[in-house]
Protein backbone atom coordinates (compact mmCIF):
# COMPACT_ATOMS: atom_id res chain seq x y z
CA MET A 1 -14.06 -16.96 21.05
CA THR A 2 -10.81 -19.03 20.28
CA GLU A 3 -7.61 -17.00 20.88
CA PRO A 4 -4.80 -17.44 18.12
CA SER A 5 -1.70 -20.07 18.59
CA LYS A 6 1.57 -18.99 19.11
CA PRO A 7 3.98 -18.34 16.02
CA ARG A 8 6.64 -20.23 14.65
CA THR A 9 9.75 -19.94 16.03
CA GLU A 10 12.19 -17.51 13.46
CA SER A 11 14.74 -19.42 11.48
CA THR A 12 18.58 -18.48 11.53
CA LEU A 13 18.27 -17.04 7.91
CA ASN A 14 15.36 -15.10 9.12
CA GLN A 15 17.20 -13.83 12.13
CA ALA A 16 20.40 -13.09 9.94
CA VAL A 17 18.47 -11.23 7.06
CA ARG A 18 16.39 -8.68 9.74
CA GLU A 19 19.48 -6.88 11.20
CA PRO A 20 20.84 -5.67 8.12
CA TRP A 21 16.97 -4.77 6.99
CA ARG A 22 16.92 -3.09 10.21
CA ARG A 23 19.53 -0.67 9.85
CA PHE A 24 18.76 -0.27 6.43
CA THR A 25 15.16 1.23 7.09
CA GLU A 26 16.51 3.30 9.80
CA GLU A 27 19.42 4.77 7.71
CA PHE A 28 17.22 5.70 4.90
CA GLU A 29 13.97 6.37 7.34
CA ALA A 30 14.44 10.47 6.97
CA LEU A 31 13.76 10.24 3.18
CA ARG A 32 10.19 8.18 3.65
CA PRO A 33 8.31 11.58 3.67
CA ASP A 34 9.95 12.71 0.23
CA LEU A 35 10.25 9.22 -1.14
CA TYR A 36 6.25 8.76 -0.25
CA ARG A 37 5.46 12.03 -2.22
CA TYR A 38 7.25 11.45 -5.15
CA CYS A 39 5.30 7.94 -5.33
CA ARG A 40 2.06 9.56 -4.88
CA LEU A 41 2.42 12.11 -7.36
CA LEU A 42 3.26 8.87 -9.86
CA THR A 43 0.21 7.18 -8.29
CA ARG A 44 -3.02 7.08 -8.37
CA SER A 45 -3.85 6.75 -4.43
CA PRO A 46 -2.32 6.57 -0.95
CA TRP A 47 -2.27 3.21 -0.74
CA ASP A 48 -0.43 2.48 -5.21
CA ALA A 49 1.87 5.00 -3.32
CA GLU A 50 2.96 3.04 -0.33
CA ASP A 51 2.88 -0.31 -2.03
CA LEU A 52 5.18 1.71 -4.60
CA VAL A 53 7.15 3.14 -1.66
CA GLN A 54 7.39 -0.56 0.00
CA ASP A 55 8.99 -2.06 -3.18
CA SER A 56 11.27 0.48 -3.96
CA LEU A 57 13.12 0.30 -0.42
CA VAL A 58 12.81 -3.64 -1.14
CA ARG A 59 14.68 -3.36 -4.22
CA ALA A 60 16.67 -0.45 -2.82
CA PHE A 61 18.14 -2.68 -0.06
CA ILE A 62 18.63 -5.63 -2.28
CA LEU A 63 21.05 -3.04 -4.95
CA LEU A 64 22.40 -1.56 -1.88
CA GLY A 65 24.05 -4.99 -0.80
CA THR A 66 25.27 -5.94 -4.49
CA SER A 67 26.71 -2.65 -4.83
CA MET A 68 30.48 -1.43 -4.39
CA ALA A 69 29.95 1.70 -2.67
CA PRO A 70 26.99 3.84 -1.01
CA PRO A 71 25.09 6.03 -3.49
CA GLU A 72 25.94 9.32 -3.75
CA HIS A 73 23.07 11.33 -2.99
CA PRO A 74 20.74 8.67 -1.43
CA ARG A 75 17.78 10.54 -2.47
CA ALA A 76 18.24 10.97 -5.99
CA TRP A 77 19.19 7.27 -5.79
CA LEU A 78 15.93 6.22 -4.10
CA PHE A 79 13.68 8.35 -6.99
CA ARG A 80 15.82 6.68 -9.52
CA VAL A 81 14.77 3.25 -8.07
CA ALA A 82 11.00 4.04 -7.79
CA SER A 83 10.98 5.53 -11.28
CA ASN A 84 12.27 2.38 -12.55
CA ARG A 85 9.81 0.22 -10.25
CA TRP A 86 7.05 2.37 -11.24
CA LEU A 87 7.82 2.09 -15.46
CA ASN A 88 8.42 -1.37 -15.13
CA HIS A 89 5.26 -2.03 -13.52
CA VAL A 90 3.24 0.14 -16.27
CA ARG A 91 4.63 -1.77 -19.24
CA ARG A 92 3.82 -4.75 -17.75
CA GLN A 93 0.38 -3.64 -17.38
CA ARG A 94 0.42 -2.83 -21.15
CA GLU A 95 2.19 -5.77 -22.01
CA GLU A 96 -1.17 -7.86 -20.39
CA LEU A 97 -3.64 -5.65 -22.20
CA VAL A 98 -1.86 -5.93 -25.73
CA ALA A 99 -1.94 -9.84 -24.79
CA GLU A 100 -5.87 -9.58 -24.05
CA PRO A 101 -8.17 -10.12 -26.75
CA PRO A 102 -9.89 -7.01 -27.96
CA GLN A 103 -13.06 -6.46 -27.06
CA ALA A 104 -15.91 -4.28 -28.69
CA ALA A 105 -16.63 -1.06 -26.23
CA SER A 106 -19.50 -0.95 -24.22
CA PRO A 107 -21.40 2.24 -24.96
CA ASP A 108 -21.92 3.23 -21.59
CA VAL A 109 -18.74 2.10 -20.22
CA ASN A 110 -17.07 5.17 -17.68
CA PRO A 111 -14.17 6.50 -19.68
CA ARG A 112 -12.27 6.65 -16.27
CA ALA A 113 -12.56 2.88 -15.74
CA VAL A 114 -10.96 2.40 -18.96
CA ARG A 115 -8.14 4.30 -18.22
CA GLU A 116 -7.31 3.01 -14.78
CA ALA A 117 -7.56 -0.49 -16.14
CA GLY A 118 -5.05 0.44 -18.45
CA GLY A 119 -2.40 0.73 -16.38
CA SER A 120 -2.27 4.98 -17.25
CA LEU A 121 -2.18 5.56 -13.45
CA VAL A 122 -3.19 9.18 -13.71
CA ALA A 123 -5.65 10.24 -16.45
CA GLN A 124 -3.93 11.97 -19.76
CA LEU A 125 -0.10 11.66 -18.91
CA ALA A 126 2.20 8.94 -20.28
CA PRO A 127 4.87 7.52 -17.58
CA LYS A 128 7.48 9.67 -18.46
CA GLU A 129 5.71 12.68 -19.10
CA ARG A 130 4.34 12.43 -15.45
CA ALA A 131 7.80 11.67 -13.79
CA ALA A 132 9.42 14.42 -15.53
CA VAL A 133 6.84 16.93 -14.23
CA VAL A 134 6.88 15.55 -10.75
CA LEU A 135 10.59 15.75 -10.91
CA LYS A 136 11.06 19.55 -11.95
CA GLU A 137 8.02 21.37 -10.85
CA ALA A 138 7.53 19.23 -7.45
CA PHE A 139 11.14 18.90 -6.23
CA GLY A 140 12.70 21.11 -7.77
CA PHE A 141 15.00 19.01 -9.78
CA SER A 142 17.62 20.33 -12.59
CA LEU A 143 16.65 19.10 -16.06
CA GLU A 144 20.07 17.36 -15.74
CA GLU A 145 18.99 15.81 -12.51
CA THR A 146 15.72 14.29 -13.94
CA ALA A 147 17.29 13.31 -16.82
CA ALA A 148 19.55 11.63 -14.56
CA VAL A 149 16.77 9.80 -12.51
CA LEU A 150 14.61 8.54 -15.39
CA SER A 151 18.30 7.11 -17.44
CA THR A 152 17.20 9.66 -20.80
CA SER A 153 18.64 12.80 -22.16
CA VAL A 154 17.90 16.44 -21.38
CA GLY A 155 16.22 16.53 -24.94
CA ALA A 156 13.70 13.61 -24.36
CA VAL A 157 13.19 15.51 -20.33
CA LYS A 158 12.29 18.71 -22.00
CA ALA A 159 9.92 17.15 -25.17
CA ALA A 160 8.36 15.11 -21.75
CA LEU A 161 7.87 18.17 -19.76
CA HIS A 162 6.31 20.02 -22.81
CA ARG A 163 3.53 16.92 -23.66
CA GLY A 164 3.16 16.65 -19.79
CA ARG A 165 2.61 20.19 -18.55
CA GLU A 166 -0.12 20.71 -21.51
CA LYS A 167 -2.36 17.01 -21.34
CA LEU A 168 -1.89 18.17 -16.83
CA LYS A 169 -4.13 20.85 -18.01
CA ASN A 170 -7.02 18.51 -18.41
CA VAL A 171 -6.78 15.68 -16.37
CA ASP A 172 -10.24 14.16 -15.09
CA THR A 173 -9.64 13.62 -11.18
CA GLU A 174 -13.39 13.03 -10.56
CA PRO A 175 -13.31 9.83 -8.16
CA GLU A 176 -15.53 6.46 -8.43
CA ARG A 177 -18.22 5.56 -6.22
CA THR A 178 -18.71 2.11 -5.43
CA PRO A 179 -20.67 0.31 -2.52
CA CYS A 180 -18.71 -2.01 -0.30
CA PRO A 181 -18.75 -5.66 -1.10
CA ALA A 182 -21.04 -7.74 1.33
CA VAL A 183 -17.65 -10.30 2.51
CA LEU A 184 -15.94 -6.49 3.61
CA ASP A 185 -18.58 -5.85 5.86
CA GLU A 186 -18.70 -9.89 7.26
CA PHE A 187 -15.08 -9.18 7.98
CA CYS A 188 -15.44 -6.72 10.08
CA GLN A 189 -18.52 -7.97 11.67
CA ALA A 190 -16.60 -11.02 12.64
CA PHE A 191 -13.71 -9.39 13.62
CA ASN A 192 -15.54 -6.75 16.14
CA ALA A 193 -17.65 -9.59 17.88
CA HIS A 194 -14.34 -11.43 18.60
CA ASP A 195 -15.28 -14.89 16.51
CA LEU A 196 -12.04 -15.38 15.40
CA GLU A 197 -13.02 -18.71 13.41
CA ARG A 198 -16.09 -17.26 11.75
CA LEU A 199 -13.70 -14.54 10.63
CA LEU A 200 -11.55 -17.36 9.03
CA ALA A 201 -13.72 -18.60 7.44
CA LEU A 202 -14.25 -15.84 4.78
CA LEU A 203 -10.83 -16.47 4.20
CA LEU A 204 -9.47 -18.98 1.44
CA ASP A 205 -6.82 -21.67 2.56
CA THR A 206 -4.25 -19.52 0.32
CA THR A 207 -4.82 -15.93 1.44
CA GLU A 208 -2.08 -13.59 1.45
CA VAL A 209 -1.62 -11.88 4.60
CA GLU A 210 0.52 -8.96 4.61
CA LEU A 211 2.08 -6.47 7.15
CA ALA A 212 3.45 -3.84 4.68
CA GLY A 213 7.15 -3.64 4.92
CA THR A 214 7.19 -5.90 8.32
CA PHE A 215 5.85 -9.75 7.34
CA VAL A 216 4.24 -11.43 4.53
CA GLY A 217 2.72 -15.49 4.83
CA PHE A 218 0.17 -17.26 3.71
CA GLY A 219 -2.98 -19.69 5.08
CA LYS A 220 -5.42 -19.25 7.61
CA GLU A 221 -2.86 -20.09 10.36
CA VAL A 222 -0.52 -17.21 9.65
CA ALA A 223 -4.01 -15.39 9.25
CA ARG A 224 -4.88 -16.64 12.91
CA HIS A 225 -1.71 -15.11 14.17
CA ALA A 226 -1.87 -11.96 12.59
CA LEU A 227 -5.82 -11.30 12.97
CA GLY A 228 -5.95 -12.89 16.49
CA GLY A 229 -2.72 -10.75 17.63
CA MET A 230 -4.96 -7.55 17.03
CA MET A 231 -8.66 -9.07 17.88
CA PHE A 232 -7.06 -9.97 21.30
CA ALA A 233 -4.81 -7.23 21.99
CA ALA A 234 -6.62 -6.29 25.43
CA THR A 235 -4.60 -9.45 26.73
CA GLN A 236 -1.11 -8.79 25.64
CA ALA A 237 1.50 -6.78 27.22
CA VAL A 238 2.03 -4.53 24.55
CA PRO A 239 0.05 -3.52 21.47
CA ALA A 240 1.64 -5.21 18.52
CA GLY A 241 3.32 -4.13 16.25
CA ILE A 242 3.25 -0.04 17.68
CA ALA A 243 6.32 1.27 19.18
CA GLU A 244 6.09 2.63 22.72
CA PRO A 245 7.44 6.20 21.47
CA HIS A 246 3.86 6.28 19.68
CA ARG A 247 1.45 4.81 22.10
CA GLY A 248 0.68 8.29 23.58
CA ASP A 249 -2.75 7.35 25.20
CA LEU A 250 -3.58 3.78 23.38
CA LEU A 251 -5.20 1.58 25.93
CA PHE A 252 -4.72 -1.94 25.59
CA GLU A 253 -7.89 -2.76 24.07
CA SER A 254 -9.14 -4.50 20.65
CA PRO A 255 -9.51 -2.20 17.92
CA ARG A 256 -12.62 -2.11 15.97
CA PHE A 257 -12.83 -2.35 12.39
CA GLU A 258 -14.57 -0.42 9.67
CA GLY A 259 -15.08 -0.82 6.09
CA VAL A 260 -15.45 1.92 3.81
CA THR A 261 -14.90 2.83 -0.15
CA LEU A 262 -12.80 5.45 -0.94
CA ARG A 263 -12.13 6.35 -4.82
CA GLY A 264 -14.09 3.44 -5.54
CA THR A 265 -11.27 0.75 -3.61
CA PRO A 266 -12.66 -0.99 -0.42
CA LEU A 267 -10.81 -0.28 2.82
CA VAL A 268 -11.07 -1.50 6.14
CA LEU A 269 -10.04 1.11 8.75
CA ALA A 270 -8.62 -0.09 12.35
CA TYR A 271 -10.14 2.34 15.10
CA PHE A 272 -7.84 2.25 18.41
CA ARG A 273 -9.07 3.26 21.53
CA HIS A 274 -7.25 6.13 23.29
CA GLU A 275 -8.24 7.79 26.44
CA SER A 276 -8.87 11.00 24.02
CA GLY A 277 -11.39 8.82 22.51
CA ASP A 278 -10.81 6.59 19.20
CA ALA A 279 -8.95 7.26 16.39
CA VAL A 280 -7.74 5.32 13.18
CA ARG A 281 -4.12 3.56 13.94
CA SER A 282 -4.20 1.13 10.44
CA PHE A 283 -6.08 0.87 7.48
CA SER A 284 -6.10 -2.81 4.88
CA ARG A 285 -6.85 -3.53 1.35
CA LEU A 286 -8.69 -6.43 0.82
CA GLU A 287 -9.37 -8.99 -2.52
CA TRP A 288 -11.52 -11.62 -2.64
CA GLU A 289 -12.79 -13.97 -5.15
CA SER A 290 -16.47 -13.86 -6.68
CA ALA A 291 -18.89 -16.50 -4.90
CA ALA A 292 -19.60 -17.31 -8.62
CA ALA A 293 -16.33 -19.13 -9.07
CA ASP A 294 -17.08 -21.50 -5.75
CA PRO A 295 -18.77 -24.40 -7.33
CA GLU A 296 -19.72 -25.13 -3.31
CA GLY A 297 -21.62 -21.77 -3.30
CA ALA A 298 -19.98 -20.81 -0.17
CA GLY A 299 -20.06 -17.37 -1.17
CA ASP A 300 -16.94 -14.25 -1.44
CA ARG A 301 -13.87 -15.17 -0.04
CA ILE A 302 -10.99 -12.93 0.81
CA SER A 303 -7.54 -13.88 -1.15
CA ARG A 304 -5.86 -11.16 0.18
CA LEU A 305 -5.46 -9.16 3.11
CA ARG A 306 -2.59 -6.26 2.92
CA THR A 307 -2.55 -4.04 6.54
CA TYR A 308 -0.66 -0.43 6.41
CA LEU A 309 0.06 0.17 10.45
CA HIS A 310 3.65 2.01 9.67
CA SER A 311 2.25 4.44 6.44
CA PRO A 312 1.93 7.54 8.42
CA GLU A 313 1.23 9.60 4.77
CA ALA A 314 -1.11 7.34 3.63
CA LEU A 315 -3.11 7.20 6.49
CA ARG A 316 -2.87 10.85 7.24
CA GLU A 317 -4.02 11.68 3.49
CA ILE A 318 -6.96 9.22 3.76
CA CYS A 319 -8.21 10.03 6.98
CA GLY A 320 -8.01 13.67 6.22
CA GLU A 321 -10.20 12.56 2.59
CA LEU A 322 -12.57 11.03 5.26
CA LYS A 323 -12.70 13.68 7.83
CA LEU A 324 -11.52 10.99 10.74
CA PRO A 325 -9.14 11.30 13.31
CA CYS A 326 -6.07 9.56 13.32
CA ARG A 327 -2.92 8.28 15.02
CA THR A 328 0.44 7.20 12.95
CA ASN A 329 2.88 4.70 14.61
CA GLY A 330 6.00 5.72 12.64
CA TYR A 331 7.66 4.03 9.93
CA ARG A 332 9.02 0.78 12.18
CA ASN A 333 7.46 -1.76 14.76
CA TRP A 334 10.62 -1.36 16.69
């Protein structure tokens, strides 16, 4: 059992940027539930929604720093930032599909899989149709406000609403069921055995390690610190990443990892110990490279690990769907 090495000291630039980001996070924290709800209605899963929330907040932070004045209506402004990020993402996916050489369709191809691979995100709705329906029906925006958020005309909004409402009558929401990959089970087993070296051996040298909204880094040494910090939580003075107001009866013990598949996506759930019983407090998404691409035949290796510790809405939705107990940690680690 090997404990993690100490993290590298932050640079002056890191420290200079961190304080404005914290102030921005605190200032807009009250709008996070609405922003998540909006993103969730655009995307096909809780993790896609949380990714869009995080991406939108970073973009909003940059835009705020380069604007002459603060937004007059912060919620509508955040929705506009999120809409632009989502529409741009869908547009890029479509461009990538057009660039791919056409292939003959297999007779047993799952139609839902084709739609999701195509980037349509939610069944038959086109991106602007879905955004228009969500803004008008779910958030009560007027036609004029919806047009402003989507940077279009009232007439275009009316047309999008008509098309979107018709298509939503036949949306396919049947979830895909996919077994957990072996590398995910190996990852959980190594963590639960407190075998840090075995766990790191499952990662590529270039693996991206991210705590959504908090930090991102690359390589095994970053993973050693991040995963080791959780693995050896019982030896630390405070549980890493969970601010005091959200701890409750949390015990200073290592969490337990468990692999599941939800909506066709493999996830790692982190169960934390409490005096009142275990509860899920975070989830992670893993990406990996297939062993077929490894000339040495070393097996599947994890290429990306993205952990959601400060994503209360997404965590509650996932645990609600799986019927599991959960505790949330707020939107920030301070």
